[in-house]
Protein backbone atom coordinates (compact mmCIF):
# COMPACT_ATOMS: atom_id res chain seq x y z
CA MET A 1 76.72 136.22 93.13
CA GLY A 2 76.84 134.96 96.75
CA LYS A 3 79.95 134.02 98.64
CA ARG A 4 81.22 130.52 97.94
CA VAL A 5 80.46 128.06 100.74
CA THR A 6 83.66 126.53 102.07
CA ALA A 7 84.49 123.54 104.21
CA ALA A 8 85.21 126.00 107.04
CA ASP A 9 81.59 127.25 106.80
CA VAL A 10 80.34 123.68 107.16
CA ALA A 11 82.61 123.14 110.18
CA ARG A 12 81.40 126.33 111.91
CA SER A 13 77.77 125.44 111.31
CA LEU A 14 78.21 122.02 112.90
CA GLY A 15 80.65 123.04 115.63
CA VAL A 16 83.25 120.49 114.52
CA SER A 17 86.83 120.92 113.39
CA ARG A 18 87.78 122.00 109.87
CA ALA A 19 89.97 118.91 109.62
CA THR A 20 87.01 116.61 110.35
CA VAL A 21 84.94 118.22 107.60
CA GLY A 22 87.88 118.01 105.21
CA PHE A 23 88.42 114.33 105.93
CA VAL A 24 84.75 113.57 105.30
CA LEU A 25 84.30 115.67 102.17
CA ASN A 26 87.55 114.39 100.65
CA ASN A 27 86.78 110.82 101.74
CA THR A 28 90.24 110.63 103.28
CA PRO A 29 91.15 107.01 104.15
CA GLY A 30 92.46 105.87 107.53
CA GLN A 31 90.38 108.33 109.64
CA SER A 32 88.35 107.16 112.70
CA ILE A 33 85.26 109.28 112.11
CA SER A 34 81.93 107.79 113.13
CA ALA A 35 79.23 107.07 110.55
CA ALA A 36 76.89 109.48 112.36
CA THR A 37 79.39 112.36 112.08
CA ARG A 38 79.97 111.58 108.44
CA GLU A 39 76.25 111.72 107.73
CA ARG A 40 75.88 115.03 109.61
CA VAL A 41 78.78 116.62 107.67
CA ILE A 42 77.47 115.45 104.31
CA ALA A 43 73.91 116.57 105.08
CA GLU A 44 75.04 120.01 106.28
CA ALA A 45 77.33 120.49 103.28
CA ARG A 46 74.41 119.71 100.98
CA ARG A 47 72.08 122.06 102.91
CA LEU A 48 74.56 124.95 102.72
CA GLY A 49 75.22 124.37 99.04
CA TYR A 50 78.86 123.40 99.44
CA ARG A 51 80.68 122.48 96.25
CA PRO A 52 84.30 121.31 96.21
CA HIS A 53 86.88 123.78 94.95
CA LYS A 54 88.37 121.92 92.01
CA ALA A 55 91.44 124.14 91.67
CA ALA A 56 92.29 123.70 95.34
CA GLN A 57 91.82 119.95 95.08
CA ALA A 58 94.08 119.84 92.05
CA LEU A 59 96.73 121.84 93.88
CA ALA A 60 96.49 119.52 96.87
CA ARG A 61 96.99 116.36 94.84
CA GLY A 62 99.63 117.92 92.56
CA GLN A 63 97.65 117.33 89.38
CA SER A 64 95.33 119.59 87.40
CA ASN A 65 94.47 117.15 84.56
CA ILE A 66 95.20 120.02 82.16
CA VAL A 67 97.27 119.81 78.99
CA LEU A 68 98.36 123.21 77.69
CA LEU A 69 98.91 123.37 73.94
CA VAL A 70 101.07 126.29 72.81
CA LEU A 71 100.08 127.43 69.32
CA PRO A 72 102.11 129.44 66.82
CA ASP A 73 100.93 132.94 66.00
CA TRP A 74 98.96 131.73 63.00
CA PRO A 75 95.31 132.20 62.11
CA ILE A 76 93.07 129.42 63.43
CA ASP A 77 92.31 128.00 60.01
CA PHE A 78 90.64 124.74 58.99
CA ASN A 79 93.76 122.65 59.56
CA MET A 80 94.38 124.05 63.01
CA ARG A 81 90.75 123.60 64.07
CA VAL A 82 90.83 119.94 63.05
CA ASN A 83 94.14 119.37 64.87
CA ILE A 84 92.87 120.94 68.10
CA ASP A 85 89.47 119.23 67.96
CA GLU A 86 90.95 115.77 67.47
CA ALA A 87 93.61 116.27 70.16
CA GLY A 88 90.96 117.53 72.58
CA SER A 89 88.75 114.53 71.89
CA ILE A 90 91.56 112.06 72.62
CA LEU A 91 92.45 113.84 75.87
CA ASP A 92 88.83 114.13 76.97
CA GLN A 93 88.45 110.36 76.71
CA ALA A 94 91.40 110.10 79.11
CA GLY A 95 89.81 112.57 81.57
CA LEU A 96 92.13 115.41 80.59
CA SER A 97 91.28 118.95 79.49
CA LEU A 98 93.00 120.64 76.57
CA VAL A 99 93.66 124.37 76.89
CA THR A 100 95.35 126.41 74.16
CA MET A 101 97.40 129.59 74.20
CA THR A 102 98.93 131.47 71.28
CA ARG A 103 102.57 132.49 71.65
CA ARG A 104 102.72 135.98 70.16
CA PRO A 105 105.79 138.15 69.73
CA GLN A 106 106.35 140.48 72.69
CA MET A 107 103.46 139.04 74.70
CA LYS A 108 102.14 141.28 77.47
CA ALA A 109 99.90 138.68 79.12
CA ARG A 110 101.32 136.13 81.54
CA PRO A 111 101.77 132.72 79.89
CA LEU A 112 99.10 130.25 80.95
CA TRP A 113 101.64 127.79 82.32
CA GLU A 114 102.13 130.29 85.16
CA THR A 115 98.44 130.52 86.04
CA LEU A 116 96.85 127.14 85.20
CA SER A 117 99.39 124.72 86.70
CA PRO A 118 99.06 122.32 83.75
CA ASP A 119 100.45 118.80 84.04
CA VAL A 120 101.75 118.82 80.48
CA VAL A 121 102.83 121.65 78.17
CA MET A 122 103.05 120.71 74.51
CA SER A 123 104.13 123.17 71.85
CA MET A 124 103.50 123.09 68.11
CA VAL A 125 106.54 125.34 67.65
CA PRO A 126 109.98 125.04 69.26
CA LEU A 127 110.19 126.54 72.74
CA THR A 128 113.27 128.50 73.73
CA PRO A 129 115.51 127.17 76.52
CA ASP A 130 114.39 130.08 78.72
CA GLU A 131 110.73 129.23 78.13
CA ILE A 132 111.34 125.58 79.00
CA SER A 133 113.18 126.55 82.18
CA ASP A 134 110.32 128.89 83.12
CA ILE A 135 107.75 126.16 82.49
CA ARG A 136 109.63 123.64 84.61
CA ALA A 137 110.06 126.22 87.39
CA CYS A 138 106.25 126.47 87.50
CA GLY A 139 106.06 122.79 88.44
CA VAL A 140 104.97 121.39 85.08
CA ARG A 141 105.79 117.69 85.02
CA LYS A 142 106.20 117.19 81.27
CA VAL A 143 107.26 119.57 78.48
CA ILE A 144 106.94 118.48 74.86
CA SER A 145 108.62 120.82 72.41
CA GLY A 146 109.57 120.69 68.76
CA ALA A 147 113.22 121.65 69.15
CA PRO A 148 115.93 118.98 69.19
CA GLY A 149 118.56 119.22 71.90
CA ASP A 150 116.49 121.28 74.33
CA ASP A 151 115.47 120.30 77.85
CA SER A 152 112.22 118.68 76.81
CA ASP A 153 110.75 115.59 75.23
CA GLU A 154 111.22 116.13 71.52
CA VAL A 155 108.24 115.61 69.25
CA PRO A 156 109.23 112.99 66.65
CA ARG A 157 109.74 114.61 63.29
CA MET A 158 106.92 114.34 60.76
CA SER A 159 107.34 115.52 57.17
CA PHE A 160 104.36 117.21 55.53
CA THR A 161 106.36 119.24 53.02
CA GLU A 162 105.39 117.22 49.95
CA GLY A 163 102.23 119.22 49.22
CA PRO A 164 103.87 121.76 46.87
CA HIS A 165 105.64 118.91 45.10
CA VAL A 166 102.27 117.27 44.40
CA GLN A 167 100.75 120.59 43.31
CA VAL A 168 103.48 121.29 40.74
CA GLU A 169 103.57 117.72 39.45
CA ALA A 170 99.79 117.70 39.00
CA LEU A 171 99.93 120.79 36.80
CA ILE A 172 102.95 119.75 34.76
CA ASN A 173 101.53 116.27 34.18
CA ARG A 174 98.48 117.94 32.63
CA GLY A 175 100.62 119.86 30.17
CA VAL A 176 100.62 123.09 32.18
CA ASP A 177 104.19 124.35 32.47
CA ARG A 178 103.96 128.16 32.79
CA LEU A 179 103.37 128.32 36.54
CA LEU A 180 103.18 130.89 39.33
CA PHE A 181 103.04 130.62 43.14
CA ALA A 182 100.09 132.53 44.64
CA ASP A 183 101.07 133.55 48.16
CA THR A 184 99.01 134.46 51.22
CA SER A 185 98.91 138.07 52.38
CA ASP A 186 98.98 137.07 56.07
CA THR A 187 102.48 138.04 57.22
CA ARG A 188 102.23 135.70 60.23
CA LEU A 189 102.48 132.80 57.79
CA TYR A 190 105.55 134.08 55.97
CA ASP A 191 107.92 131.31 57.10
CA LEU A 192 105.47 128.53 56.30
CA ALA A 193 104.54 130.10 52.95
CA THR A 194 108.22 130.51 52.08
CA ALA A 195 108.88 126.84 52.82
CA ARG A 196 106.04 125.84 50.49
CA TYR A 197 107.21 128.26 47.81
CA GLU A 198 110.81 127.00 47.91
CA MET A 199 109.65 123.40 47.52
CA ALA A 200 107.41 124.33 44.57
CA ARG A 201 110.20 126.40 43.02
CA GLN A 202 112.67 123.53 43.26
CA VAL A 203 110.31 121.04 41.61
CA CYS A 204 109.36 123.54 38.90
CA ALA A 205 113.02 124.18 38.06
CA GLU A 206 113.78 120.46 37.92
CA ARG A 207 110.83 119.67 35.67
CA THR A 208 110.70 122.73 33.40
CA GLY A 209 113.97 124.59 33.78
CA LEU A 210 111.94 127.71 34.58
CA ASP A 211 111.89 129.88 37.68
CA LEU A 212 108.69 130.23 39.68
CA GLU A 213 107.39 133.73 40.35
CA ARG A 214 105.87 134.42 43.76
CA ALA A 215 102.99 136.88 44.05
CA VAL A 216 101.03 137.89 47.14
CA VAL A 217 97.31 137.69 46.41
CA THR A 218 94.71 139.83 48.19
CA ALA A 219 91.04 140.56 47.61
CA GLU A 220 92.05 143.97 46.31
CA ASN A 221 94.73 142.96 43.80
CA ALA A 222 93.54 139.53 42.64
CA ARG A 223 91.84 140.76 39.44
CA ASP A 224 94.82 142.87 38.35
CA LEU A 225 97.20 139.99 39.01
CA VAL A 226 95.13 137.44 37.11
CA ALA A 227 94.80 139.86 34.17
CA ARG A 228 98.58 140.30 34.10
CA TRP A 229 99.21 136.57 34.35
CA ARG A 230 96.85 136.00 31.45
CA SER A 231 98.72 138.49 29.27
CA GLU A 232 102.06 136.91 30.24
CA GLY A 233 100.93 133.38 29.36
CA ILE A 234 100.73 131.99 32.91
CA ARG A 235 98.53 128.89 32.68
CA GLY A 236 98.85 127.30 36.11
CA VAL A 237 98.74 128.55 39.70
CA VAL A 238 100.23 126.78 42.71
CA ALA A 239 98.31 128.36 45.61
CA TYR A 240 99.62 128.59 49.18
CA ASN A 241 96.28 127.30 50.45
CA ASP A 242 92.66 126.88 49.38
CA GLU A 243 91.62 130.37 50.49
CA THR A 244 94.28 131.88 48.24
CA ALA A 245 93.21 129.55 45.44
CA ALA A 246 89.63 130.75 45.87
CA GLU A 247 90.75 134.38 45.53
CA VAL A 248 92.47 133.51 42.24
CA VAL A 249 89.56 131.47 40.88
CA GLY A 250 87.02 134.15 41.83
CA ALA A 251 89.05 136.86 40.12
CA ALA A 252 89.51 134.73 37.00
CA ILE A 253 85.77 134.09 36.70
CA ARG A 254 85.01 137.81 37.00
CA LEU A 255 87.50 138.50 34.21
CA GLY A 256 85.99 135.84 31.95
CA VAL A 257 89.02 133.57 32.15
CA ARG A 258 87.96 129.98 31.59
CA ILE A 259 88.83 127.58 34.38
CA PRO A 260 90.63 125.23 33.76
CA GLN A 261 90.93 125.66 29.98
CA GLU A 262 92.90 128.90 30.26
CA LEU A 263 94.03 128.77 33.88
CA SER A 264 94.44 125.74 36.15
CA VAL A 265 94.63 126.25 39.92
CA VAL A 266 95.71 123.78 42.62
CA GLY A 267 95.19 124.66 46.29
CA HIS A 268 96.52 123.14 49.50
CA ASP A 269 94.82 121.73 52.64
CA ASP A 270 91.44 120.51 51.29
CA ALA A 271 89.57 123.08 53.38
CA PRO A 272 85.74 123.16 53.04
CA ILE A 273 85.92 126.14 50.65
CA ALA A 274 87.69 123.93 48.10
CA SER A 275 84.65 121.71 47.56
CA LEU A 276 82.08 124.49 48.02
CA MET A 277 83.62 126.83 45.46
CA VAL A 278 82.19 126.85 41.92
CA PRO A 279 84.18 125.61 40.12
CA SER A 280 85.41 123.33 42.89
CA ILE A 281 89.12 123.58 43.63
CA THR A 282 91.63 120.81 43.05
CA THR A 283 93.75 120.63 46.17
CA VAL A 284 96.21 118.66 48.28
CA ARG A 285 94.99 116.83 51.37
CA VAL A 286 97.06 116.31 54.53
CA ASP A 287 96.06 113.89 57.31
CA ASN A 288 94.90 116.59 59.73
CA VAL A 289 92.73 114.19 61.71
CA GLY A 290 95.71 111.90 62.18
CA ILE A 291 97.94 114.79 63.24
CA GLY A 292 95.43 115.91 65.87
CA ARG A 293 94.96 112.40 67.24
CA TYR A 294 98.72 111.93 67.36
CA MET A 295 99.12 115.15 69.35
CA GLY A 296 96.46 113.98 71.81
CA GLU A 297 98.05 110.55 72.24
CA LEU A 298 101.48 112.11 72.74
CA ALA A 299 100.18 114.38 75.51
CA LYS A 300 98.26 111.48 77.09
CA PHE A 301 101.40 109.35 77.23
CA ALA A 302 103.35 112.25 78.72
CA TYR A 303 100.70 112.73 81.41
CA ALA A 304 100.65 109.05 82.34
CA ASP A 305 104.47 108.88 82.13
CA ASP A 306 104.02 105.32 80.94
CA GLY A 307 105.50 103.81 77.79
CA ASP A 308 107.60 105.14 74.95
CA PRO A 309 106.03 107.94 72.87
CA ARG A 310 107.84 106.54 69.85
CA ASP A 311 105.41 103.62 70.00
CA ILE A 312 102.47 105.92 69.26
CA GLN A 313 101.16 105.46 65.76
CA GLN A 314 102.10 108.49 63.72
CA PRO A 315 99.77 110.01 61.15
CA ALA A 316 100.22 109.25 57.49
CA THR A 317 102.67 111.75 56.04
CA GLN A 318 101.71 110.92 52.47
CA VAL A 319 99.74 113.80 50.98
CA SER A 320 97.17 113.14 48.27
CA LEU A 321 95.80 115.08 45.33
CA ILE A 322 92.05 115.72 45.44
CA GLU A 323 91.02 116.31 41.84
CA ARG A 324 88.17 118.70 41.19
CA GLU A 325 87.25 121.22 38.52
CA THR A 326 90.17 123.68 38.49
CA LEU A 327 92.75 121.26 37.08
CA ALA A 328 93.12 120.76 33.35
CA PRO A 329 92.06 117.28 32.23
CA ALA A 330 94.77 114.77 31.44
CA PRO A 331 95.92 114.95 27.79
CA THR A 332 94.38 112.26 25.62
CA PRO A 333 96.75 109.92 23.76
CA ASP A 334 95.81 111.63 20.47
CA ALA A 335 96.55 115.07 21.90
CA ALA A 336 99.88 113.91 23.27
CA ASN A 337 100.92 112.44 19.94
CA ASN A 338 99.60 115.32 17.84
CA PRO A 339 100.25 118.55 19.73
CA SER A 340 98.67 121.61 18.19
């Protein structure tokens, strides 16, 4: 690759000052440069193959038009992809670029806020006070974190914890009351999975008076677990997400367990696998498109520094049950009045 042509190269070729070339190429107002000189500079820059250095221009004007989104150390699953895609689309329409970085424990790489000079840093997880101080020291104009009371613009709270409640209620309302929570094996998701489990456990205890067992499901142990659940009379599974639900359903089919007659399964997230699986998986849907668009609008407002972010329309926090083939049918009036 050849050496990049600079404004200094154009100036040397023409025998004019670097400042004159800079004024012309940057279209700097208030300069008394003749039309003939302007034409010569532009023609020579084109002949030499000069292209403006975007990073240098951004540094000069104090703006990079970059929004840095700090992600938790989670797998980039269906939900996360939708969030990022929608946020990126909103920002692109505003002339801004979305860049992501994953905050991992004991990171060795330099954080991107030190190397990209973003205008806005937005985090999907709370930033520490030291991180916020470091970000501001790098010249970032706006920091949007999820932690109340820190030195940043707090992201308004949104509650999407009702999914496990809907999962448990769906099973119990179909006459399925011996339940189990099927957990993910990804240890990075432990906190999120625990929050979902505790919500499901609370609802289960209130409705049935029974505790809710929690079992980590993997491709290797799924068949043994489902066989044990069958022998213990477990008839319903609250799955951490749709991938975990698919592991359970696949294992049940291989064991000859009838879905949903003998085992009902409800997933979470409405990922593509839920509708593609045979039988298709009943699941809980969250407004991921709305969340992503909200994130993009929040960052756009922060960049423009205009208006109150509380005025941005928030996504619907109401989750909905998407009924498919892994949920037991509703009891008929005759069955309810004449239990076997």
